[in-house]
């Protein structure tokens, strides 16, 4: 089964992150989150890109949303720990 639009946008966002284009990465991941606001993978990835762009308060909000959805999510916990609560 092909990925949904939100998954495709998430993949594109992470690809642009890998290529060093933080603006495009942020744009694609923001769109993925808008389409699937409860997808913890999208939220975690979006948070990482925001943090790397220096937007730590916004990044923390994404990871906190993850923990509201999945309180035991180890990725969000690790991200919050690494980037400070």
PDB file of N, CA and C in Angstrom:
ATOM      1  N   UNK A   1       0.849  -1.171   0.000  1.00  0.00           N
ATOM      2  CA  UNK A   1       0.000   0.000   0.000  1.00  0.00           C
ATOM      3  C   UNK A   1       0.902   1.245   0.000  1.00  0.00           C
ATOM      4  N   UNK A   2       0.632   2.204  -0.866  1.00  0.00           N
ATOM      5  CA  UNK A   2       1.453   3.422  -0.889  1.00  0.00           C
ATOM      6  C   UNK A   2       1.200   4.261   0.363  1.00  0.00           C
ATOM      7  N   UNK A   3       2.159   5.097   0.708  1.00  0.00           N
ATOM      8  CA  UNK A   3       1.972   5.931   1.899  1.00  0.00           C
ATOM      9  C   UNK A   3       0.877   6.965   1.667  1.00  0.00           C
ATOM     10  N   UNK A   4       0.257   7.390   2.753  1.00  0.00           N
ATOM     11  CA  UNK A   4      -0.720   8.470   2.674  1.00  0.00           C
ATOM     12  C   UNK A   4       0.008   9.790   2.462  1.00  0.00           C
ATOM     13  N   UNK A   5      -0.727  10.822   2.163  1.00  0.00           N
ATOM     14  CA  UNK A   5      -0.123  12.124   1.916  1.00  0.00           C
ATOM     15  C   UNK A   5       0.674  12.603   3.124  1.00  0.00           C
ATOM     16  N   UNK A   6       0.142  12.407   4.332  1.00  0.00           N
ATOM     17  CA  UNK A   6       0.861  12.847   5.529  1.00  0.00           C
ATOM     18  C   UNK A   6       2.200  12.120   5.669  1.00  0.00           C
ATOM     19  N   UNK A   7       2.209  10.816   5.376  1.00  0.00           N
ATOM     20  CA  UNK A   7       3.456  10.047   5.450  1.00  0.00           C
ATOM     21  C   UNK A   7       4.454  10.513   4.397  1.00  0.00           C
ATOM     22  N   UNK A   8       3.949  10.780   3.196  1.00  0.00           N
ATOM     23  CA  UNK A   8       4.824  11.251   2.118  1.00  0.00           C
ATOM     24  C   UNK A   8       5.434  12.604   2.485  1.00  0.00           C
ATOM     25  N   UNK A   9       4.629  13.485   3.070  1.00  0.00           N
ATOM     26  CA  UNK A   9       5.136  14.789   3.476  1.00  0.00           C
ATOM     27  C   UNK A   9       6.182  14.652   4.577  1.00  0.00           C
ATOM     28  N   UNK A  10       5.963  13.721   5.500  1.00  0.00           N
ATOM     29  CA  UNK A  10       6.924  13.470   6.570  1.00  0.00           C
ATOM     30  C   UNK A  10       8.245  12.978   5.978  1.00  0.00           C
ATOM     31  N   UNK A  11       8.168  12.052   5.046  1.00  0.00           N
ATOM     32  CA  UNK A  11       9.375  11.524   4.412  1.00  0.00           C
ATOM     33  C   UNK A  11      10.115  12.633   3.667  1.00  0.00           C
ATOM     34  N   UNK A  12       9.377  13.441   2.919  1.00  0.00           N
ATOM     35  CA  UNK A  12      10.005  14.557   2.205  1.00  0.00           C
ATOM     36  C   UNK A  12      10.664  15.528   3.178  1.00  0.00           C
ATOM     37  N   UNK A  13       9.988  15.808   4.276  1.00  0.00           N
ATOM     38  CA  UNK A  13      10.564  16.701   5.277  1.00  0.00           C
ATOM     39  C   UNK A  13      11.880  16.184   5.819  1.00  0.00           C
ATOM     40  N   UNK A  14      11.911  14.903   6.132  1.00  0.00           N
ATOM     41  CA  UNK A  14      13.148  14.332   6.671  1.00  0.00           C
ATOM     42  C   UNK A  14      14.233  14.243   5.599  1.00  0.00           C
ATOM     43  N   UNK A  15      13.843  14.070   4.350  1.00  0.00           N
ATOM     44  CA  UNK A  15      14.826  14.078   3.255  1.00  0.00           C
ATOM     45  C   UNK A  15      15.455  15.467   3.124  1.00  0.00           C
ATOM     46  N   UNK A  16      14.624  16.498   3.165  1.00  0.00           N
ATOM     47  CA  UNK A  16      15.156  17.859   3.090  1.00  0.00           C
ATOM     48  C   UNK A  16      16.020  18.177   4.300  1.00  0.00           C
ATOM     49  N   UNK A  17      15.677  17.652   5.447  1.00  0.00           N
ATOM     50  CA  UNK A  17      16.522  17.819   6.634  1.00  0.00           C
ATOM     51  C   UNK A  17      17.895  17.223   6.362  1.00  0.00           C
ATOM     52  N   UNK A  18      17.906  16.019   5.788  1.00  0.00           N
ATOM     53  CA  UNK A  18      19.162  15.359   5.468  1.00  0.00           C
ATOM     54  C   UNK A  18      20.003  16.123   4.457  1.00  0.00           C
ATOM     55  N   UNK A  19      19.335  16.850   3.579  1.00  0.00           N
ATOM     56  CA  UNK A  19      20.038  17.655   2.576  1.00  0.00           C
ATOM     57  C   UNK A  19      20.443  19.020   3.127  1.00  0.00           C
ATOM     58  N   UNK A  20      20.028  19.315   4.367  1.00  0.00           N
ATOM     59  CA  UNK A  20      20.419  20.563   5.008  1.00  0.00           C
ATOM     60  C   UNK A  20      19.505  21.748   4.750  1.00  0.00           C
ATOM     61  N   UNK A  21      18.347  21.505   4.141  1.00  0.00           N
ATOM     62  CA  UNK A  21      17.399  22.595   3.888  1.00  0.00           C
ATOM     63  C   UNK A  21      16.340  22.584   4.986  1.00  0.00           C
ATOM     64  N   UNK A  22      16.653  23.273   6.066  1.00  0.00           N
ATOM     65  CA  UNK A  22      15.761  23.263   7.235  1.00  0.00           C
ATOM     66  C   UNK A  22      14.411  23.904   6.949  1.00  0.00           C
ATOM     67  N   UNK A  23      14.395  24.919   6.089  1.00  0.00           N
ATOM     68  CA  UNK A  23      13.137  25.597   5.774  1.00  0.00           C
ATOM     69  C   UNK A  23      12.176  24.651   5.072  1.00  0.00           C
ATOM     70  N   UNK A  24      12.651  23.945   4.044  1.00  0.00           N
ATOM     71  CA  UNK A  24      11.783  22.999   3.338  1.00  0.00           C
ATOM     72  C   UNK A  24      11.386  21.857   4.265  1.00  0.00           C
ATOM     73  N   UNK A  25      12.333  21.392   5.071  1.00  0.00           N
ATOM     74  CA  UNK A  25      12.032  20.315   6.011  1.00  0.00           C
ATOM     75  C   UNK A  25      10.914  20.738   6.955  1.00  0.00           C
ATOM     76  N   UNK A  26      11.035  21.934   7.481  1.00  0.00           N
ATOM     77  CA  UNK A  26      10.015  22.444   8.408  1.00  0.00           C
ATOM     78  C   UNK A  26       8.669  22.577   7.708  1.00  0.00           C
ATOM     79  N   UNK A  27       8.664  23.096   6.498  1.00  0.00           N
ATOM     80  CA  UNK A  27       7.402  23.270   5.761  1.00  0.00           C
ATOM     81  C   UNK A  27       6.693  21.936   5.527  1.00  0.00           C
ATOM     82  N   UNK A  28       7.435  20.941   5.057  1.00  0.00           N
ATOM     83  CA  UNK A  28       6.821  19.635   4.776  1.00  0.00           C
ATOM     84  C   UNK A  28       6.320  18.963   6.056  1.00  0.00           C
ATOM     85  N   UNK A  29       7.120  19.041   7.115  1.00  0.00           N
ATOM     86  CA  UNK A  29       6.705  18.405   8.362  1.00  0.00           C
ATOM     87  C   UNK A  29       5.522  19.126   9.001  1.00  0.00           C
ATOM     88  N   UNK A  30       5.477  20.431   8.863  1.00  0.00           N
ATOM     89  CA  UNK A  30       4.324  21.185   9.375  1.00  0.00           C
ATOM     90  C   UNK A  30       3.055  20.746   8.653  1.00  0.00           C
ATOM     91  N   UNK A  31       3.144  20.522   7.363  1.00  0.00           N
ATOM     92  CA  UNK A  31       1.993  20.060   6.593  1.00  0.00           C
ATOM     93  C   UNK A  31       1.597  18.644   7.008  1.00  0.00           C
ATOM     94  N   UNK A  32       2.580  17.781   7.268  1.00  0.00           N
ATOM     95  CA  UNK A  32       2.283  16.413   7.707  1.00  0.00           C
ATOM     96  C   UNK A  32       1.525  16.440   9.037  1.00  0.00           C
ATOM     97  N   UNK A  33       1.977  17.280   9.956  1.00  0.00           N
ATOM     98  CA  UNK A  33       1.326  17.405  11.261  1.00  0.00           C
ATOM     99  C   UNK A  33      -0.086  17.982  11.107  1.00  0.00           C
ATOM    100  N   UNK A  34      -0.247  18.925  10.197  1.00  0.00           N
ATOM    101  CA  UNK A  34      -1.579  19.518   9.979  1.00  0.00           C
ATOM    102  C   UNK A  34      -2.569  18.471   9.486  1.00  0.00           C
ATOM    103  N   UNK A  35      -2.095  17.538   8.643  1.00  0.00           N
ATOM    104  CA  UNK A  35      -2.970  16.486   8.122  1.00  0.00           C
ATOM    105  C   UNK A  35      -3.256  15.396   9.150  1.00  0.00           C
ATOM    106  N   UNK A  36      -2.265  15.098   9.991  1.00  0.00           N
ATOM    107  CA  UNK A  36      -2.420  14.039  11.002  1.00  0.00           C
ATOM    108  C   UNK A  36      -1.860  14.535  12.335  1.00  0.00           C
ATOM    109  N   UNK A  37      -2.622  15.382  13.018  1.00  0.00           N
ATOM    110  CA  UNK A  37      -2.106  16.020  14.229  1.00  0.00           C
ATOM    111  C   UNK A  37      -1.891  15.090  15.418  1.00  0.00           C
ATOM    112  N   UNK A  38      -2.307  13.838  15.306  1.00  0.00           N
ATOM    113  CA  UNK A  38      -2.089  12.893  16.403  1.00  0.00           C
ATOM    114  C   UNK A  38      -1.082  11.804  16.050  1.00  0.00           C
ATOM    115  N   UNK A  39      -0.379  11.985  14.948  1.00  0.00           N
ATOM    116  CA  UNK A  39       0.645  11.015  14.546  1.00  0.00           C
ATOM    117  C   UNK A  39       1.947  11.370  15.273  1.00  0.00           C
ATOM    118  N   UNK A  40       2.317  10.528  16.208  1.00  0.00           N
ATOM    119  CA  UNK A  40       3.468  10.847  17.059  1.00  0.00           C
ATOM    120  C   UNK A  40       4.782  10.884  16.279  1.00  0.00           C
ATOM    121  N   UNK A  41       4.893  10.130  15.223  1.00  0.00           N
ATOM    122  CA  UNK A  41       6.100  10.159  14.404  1.00  0.00           C
ATOM    123  C   UNK A  41       6.268  11.530  13.750  1.00  0.00           C
ATOM    124  N   UNK A  42       5.189  12.042  13.181  1.00  0.00           N
ATOM    125  CA  UNK A  42       5.236  13.367  12.557  1.00  0.00           C
ATOM    126  C   UNK A  42       5.564  14.433  13.598  1.00  0.00           C
ATOM    127  N   UNK A  43       4.923  14.347  14.755  1.00  0.00           N
ATOM    128  CA  UNK A  43       5.163  15.333  15.810  1.00  0.00           C
ATOM    129  C   UNK A  43       6.603  15.295  16.293  1.00  0.00           C
ATOM    130  N   UNK A  44       7.141  14.097  16.488  1.00  0.00           N
ATOM    131  CA  UNK A  44       8.538  13.970  16.916  1.00  0.00           C
ATOM    132  C   UNK A  44       9.489  14.545  15.873  1.00  0.00           C
ATOM    133  N   UNK A  45       9.270  14.189  14.619  1.00  0.00           N
ATOM    134  CA  UNK A  45      10.142  14.678  13.545  1.00  0.00           C
ATOM    135  C   UNK A  45      10.062  16.193  13.413  1.00  0.00           C
ATOM    136  N   UNK A  46       8.859  16.726  13.477  1.00  0.00           N
ATOM    137  CA  UNK A  46       8.670  18.168  13.382  1.00  0.00           C
ATOM    138  C   UNK A  46       9.400  18.860  14.532  1.00  0.00           C
ATOM    139  N   UNK A  47       9.301  18.293  15.714  1.00  0.00           N
ATOM    140  CA  UNK A  47      10.009  18.853  16.865  1.00  0.00           C
ATOM    141  C   UNK A  47      11.505  18.884  16.662  1.00  0.00           C
ATOM    142  N   UNK A  48      12.055  17.836  16.103  1.00  0.00           N
ATOM    143  CA  UNK A  48      13.499  17.781  15.859  1.00  0.00           C
ATOM    144  C   UNK A  48      13.928  18.889  14.903  1.00  0.00           C
ATOM    145  N   UNK A  49      13.182  19.035  13.815  1.00  0.00           N
ATOM    146  CA  UNK A  49      13.525  20.064  12.832  1.00  0.00           C
ATOM    147  C   UNK A  49      13.392  21.466  13.441  1.00  0.00           C
ATOM    148  N   UNK A  50      12.359  21.668  14.241  1.00  0.00           N
ATOM    149  CA  UNK A  50      12.203  22.963  14.905  1.00  0.00           C
ATOM    150  C   UNK A  50      13.373  23.226  15.851  1.00  0.00           C
ATOM    151  N   UNK A  51      13.759  22.220  16.614  1.00  0.00           N
ATOM    152  CA  UNK A  51      14.875  22.371  17.550  1.00  0.00           C
ATOM    153  C   UNK A  51      16.167  22.691  16.813  1.00  0.00           C
ATOM    154  N   UNK A  52      16.396  21.998  15.726  1.00  0.00           N
ATOM    155  CA  UNK A  52      17.607  22.249  14.949  1.00  0.00           C
ATOM    156  C   UNK A  52      17.611  23.648  14.334  1.00  0.00           C
ATOM    157  N   UNK A  53      16.433  24.208  14.134  1.00  0.00           N
ATOM    158  CA  UNK A  53      16.312  25.561  13.616  1.00  0.00           C
ATOM    159  C   UNK A  53      16.323  26.625  14.710  1.00  0.00           C
ATOM    160  N   UNK A  54      16.558  26.203  15.954  1.00  0.00           N
ATOM    161  CA  UNK A  54      16.638  27.145  17.062  1.00  0.00           C
ATOM    162  C   UNK A  54      15.304  27.515  17.682  1.00  0.00           C
ATOM    163  N   UNK A  55      14.245  26.818  17.311  1.00  0.00           N
ATOM    164  CA  UNK A  55      12.914  27.125  17.838  1.00  0.00           C
ATOM    165  C   UNK A  55      12.555  26.126  18.945  1.00  0.00           C
ATOM    166  N   UNK A  56      13.342  26.163  20.013  1.00  0.00           N
ATOM    167  CA  UNK A  56      13.185  25.179  21.086  1.00  0.00           C
ATOM    168  C   UNK A  56      11.819  25.204  21.768  1.00  0.00           C
ATOM    169  N   UNK A  57      11.254  26.366  22.064  1.00  0.00           N
ATOM    170  CA  UNK A  57       9.922  26.329  22.704  1.00  0.00           C
ATOM    171  C   UNK A  57       8.873  25.628  21.824  1.00  0.00           C
ATOM    172  N   UNK A  58       8.925  25.889  20.524  1.00  0.00           N
ATOM    173  CA  UNK A  58       7.982  25.239  19.608  1.00  0.00           C
ATOM    174  C   UNK A  58       8.258  23.744  19.510  1.00  0.00           C
ATOM    175  N   UNK A  59       9.531  23.377  19.519  1.00  0.00           N
ATOM    176  CA  UNK A  59       9.898  21.962  19.465  1.00  0.00           C
ATOM    177  C   UNK A  59       9.376  21.232  20.703  1.00  0.00           C
ATOM    178  N   UNK A  60       9.579  21.837  21.861  1.00  0.00           N
ATOM    179  CA  UNK A  60       9.108  21.224  23.106  1.00  0.00           C
ATOM    180  C   UNK A  60       7.599  21.014  23.085  1.00  0.00           C
ATOM    181  N   UNK A  61       6.866  21.949  22.494  1.00  0.00           N
ATOM    182  CA  UNK A  61       5.406  21.809  22.404  1.00  0.00           C
ATOM    183  C   UNK A  61       5.032  20.570  21.592  1.00  0.00           C
ATOM    184  N   UNK A  62       5.777  20.301  20.529  1.00  0.00           N
ATOM    185  CA  UNK A  62       5.485  19.119  19.711  1.00  0.00           C
ATOM    186  C   UNK A  62       5.705  17.846  20.526  1.00  0.00           C
ATOM    187  N   UNK A  63       6.817  17.793  21.253  1.00  0.00           N
ATOM    188  CA  UNK A  63       7.118  16.598  22.045  1.00  0.00           C
ATOM    189  C   UNK A  63       6.153  16.447  23.216  1.00  0.00           C
ATOM    190  N   UNK A  64       5.692  17.553  23.778  1.00  0.00           N
ATOM    191  CA  UNK A  64       4.706  17.473  24.844  1.00  0.00           C
ATOM    192  C   UNK A  64       3.373  16.952  24.308  1.00  0.00           C
ATOM    193  N   UNK A  65       3.028  17.332  23.066  1.00  0.00           N
ATOM    194  CA  UNK A  65       1.821  16.782  22.431  1.00  0.00           C
ATOM    195  C   UNK A  65       1.951  15.265  22.289  1.00  0.00           C
ATOM    196  N   UNK A  66       3.148  14.816  21.900  1.00  0.00           N
ATOM    197  CA  UNK A  66       3.381  13.376  21.775  1.00  0.00           C
ATOM    198  C   UNK A  66       3.099  12.688  23.100  1.00  0.00           C
ATOM    199  N   UNK A  67       3.607  13.255  24.187  1.00  0.00           N
ATOM    200  CA  UNK A  67       3.434  12.634  25.499  1.00  0.00           C
ATOM    201  C   UNK A  67       1.991  12.699  25.992  1.00  0.00           C
ATOM    202  N   UNK A  68       1.221  13.655  25.501  1.00  0.00           N
ATOM    203  CA  UNK A  68      -0.212  13.675  25.821  1.00  0.00           C
ATOM    204  C   UNK A  68      -0.914  12.507  25.128  1.00  0.00           C
ATOM    205  N   UNK A  69      -0.445  12.174  23.931  1.00  0.00           N
ATOM    206  CA  UNK A  69      -1.039  11.082  23.160  1.00  0.00           C
ATOM    207  C   UNK A  69      -0.498   9.730  23.632  1.00  0.00           C
ATOM    208  N   UNK A  70       0.806   9.666  23.825  1.00  0.00           N
ATOM    209  CA  UNK A  70       1.499   8.439  24.261  1.00  0.00           C
ATOM    210  C   UNK A  70       2.425   8.791  25.420  1.00  0.00           C
ATOM    211  N   UNK A  71       1.941   8.727  26.644  1.00  0.00           N
ATOM    212  CA  UNK A  71       2.743   9.149  27.794  1.00  0.00           C
ATOM    213  C   UNK A  71       4.080   8.421  27.954  1.00  0.00           C
ATOM    214  N   UNK A  72       4.210   7.240  27.405  1.00  0.00           N
ATOM    215  CA  UNK A  72       5.461   6.485  27.555  1.00  0.00           C
ATOM    216  C   UNK A  72       6.363   6.560  26.320  1.00  0.00           C
ATOM    217  N   UNK A  73       6.099   7.471  25.405  1.00  0.00           N
ATOM    218  CA  UNK A  73       6.870   7.559  24.165  1.00  0.00           C
ATOM    219  C   UNK A  73       8.321   7.918  24.477  1.00  0.00           C
ATOM    220  N   UNK A  74       9.206   6.961  24.241  1.00  0.00           N
ATOM    221  CA  UNK A  74      10.614   7.142  24.598  1.00  0.00           C
ATOM    222  C   UNK A  74      11.322   8.164  23.711  1.00  0.00           C
ATOM    223  N   UNK A  75      10.899   8.285  22.469  1.00  0.00           N
ATOM    224  CA  UNK A  75      11.530   9.256  21.572  1.00  0.00           C
ATOM    225  C   UNK A  75      11.266  10.675  22.047  1.00  0.00           C
ATOM    226  N   UNK A  76      10.024  10.981  22.368  1.00  0.00           N
ATOM    227  CA  UNK A  76       9.685  12.326  22.856  1.00  0.00           C
ATOM    228  C   UNK A  76      10.386  12.605  24.182  1.00  0.00           C
ATOM    229  N   UNK A  77      10.434  11.611  25.054  1.00  0.00           N
ATOM    230  CA  UNK A  77      11.125  11.787  26.340  1.00  0.00           C
ATOM    231  C   UNK A  77      12.603  12.076  26.116  1.00  0.00           C
ATOM    232  N   UNK A  78      13.227  11.329  25.205  1.00  0.00           N
ATOM    233  CA  UNK A  78      14.648  11.534  24.916  1.00  0.00           C
ATOM    234  C   UNK A  78      14.892  12.909  24.302  1.00  0.00           C
ATOM    235  N   UNK A  79      13.997  13.322  23.406  1.00  0.00           N
ATOM    236  CA  UNK A  79      14.145  14.641  22.786  1.00  0.00           C
ATOM    237  C   UNK A  79      14.013  15.749  23.822  1.00  0.00           C
ATOM    238  N   UNK A  80      13.033  15.642  24.697  1.00  0.00           N
ATOM    239  CA  UNK A  80      12.873  16.644  25.742  1.00  0.00           C
ATOM    240  C   UNK A  80      14.084  16.677  26.670  1.00  0.00           C
ATOM    241  N   UNK A  81      14.613  15.525  26.958  1.00  0.00           N
ATOM    242  CA  UNK A  81      15.785  15.444  27.825  1.00  0.00           C
ATOM    243  C   UNK A  81      17.006  16.053  27.130  1.00  0.00           C
ATOM    244  N   UNK A  82      17.184  15.740  25.866  1.00  0.00           N
ATOM    245  CA  UNK A  82      18.350  16.219  25.123  1.00  0.00           C
ATOM    246  C   UNK A  82      18.301  17.729  24.902  1.00  0.00           C
ATOM    247  N   UNK A  83      17.109  18.249  24.679  1.00  0.00           N
ATOM    248  CA  UNK A  83      16.976  19.666  24.370  1.00  0.00           C
ATOM    249  C   UNK A  83      16.475  20.484  25.565  1.00  0.00           C
ATOM    250  N   UNK A  84      16.407  19.866  26.721  1.00  0.00           N
ATOM    251  CA  UNK A  84      15.978  20.571  27.927  1.00  0.00           C
ATOM    252  C   UNK A  84      14.474  20.736  28.015  1.00  0.00           C
ATOM    253  N   UNK A  85      13.952  20.546  29.201  1.00  0.00           N
ATOM    254  CA  UNK A  85      12.507  20.684  29.421  1.00  0.00           C
ATOM    255  C   UNK A  85      12.159  22.095  29.545  1.00  0.00           C
TER     256      UNK A  85
END
